[in-house]
Structures are given as structure tokens and as C-alpha cells.
Amino acid sequence: MKSLDRALENLKYDSRMVDWNIQNGLITKVELEKHLNDLKDLSHQTQKLNLKEESDYQSDNSDDN
């Protein structure tokens, strides 16, 4: 059971679980806000993607039409 407890603890602030955890009293909204405010800003480690750019797949298949 310890591994389940550890897994649930790791998911405590997971965005997919946070509403459920608040509704069931595992965390409070104040705890969530504190957790979010304590997160480091890692935006400098990101890379911007341009999703509007044509992919190679689209370019290769455009001649088939």
C-alpha cells in the first residue's frame, strides 16, 4: 500500500487530479495556490513551436491532388 500512497502523493497537485483532490479534502484551494506560486519559472528552458508551418507530410501530399 505504500507504493499507492506514494503515487497518490505524487499526483496531489496534478492538473488532472486537483479538482478531485479539493472536492475530497485532500488539499485546499489555499494549498494549491501556494504550490502554484512556489513553482519555478522555467520558461527560459522552453522552445517555441510554430504549428501553422506546413509539415513535410503536407508538402509531399499536396502534389497528389
Foldseek 3Di string as FASTA:
>chain_A
DVVVVVVCVVCCQPPVCVVVCCVVVVDHPVRNVVVVVPDDDPVVVDDDDDPVDDDPVCVVCPVVD
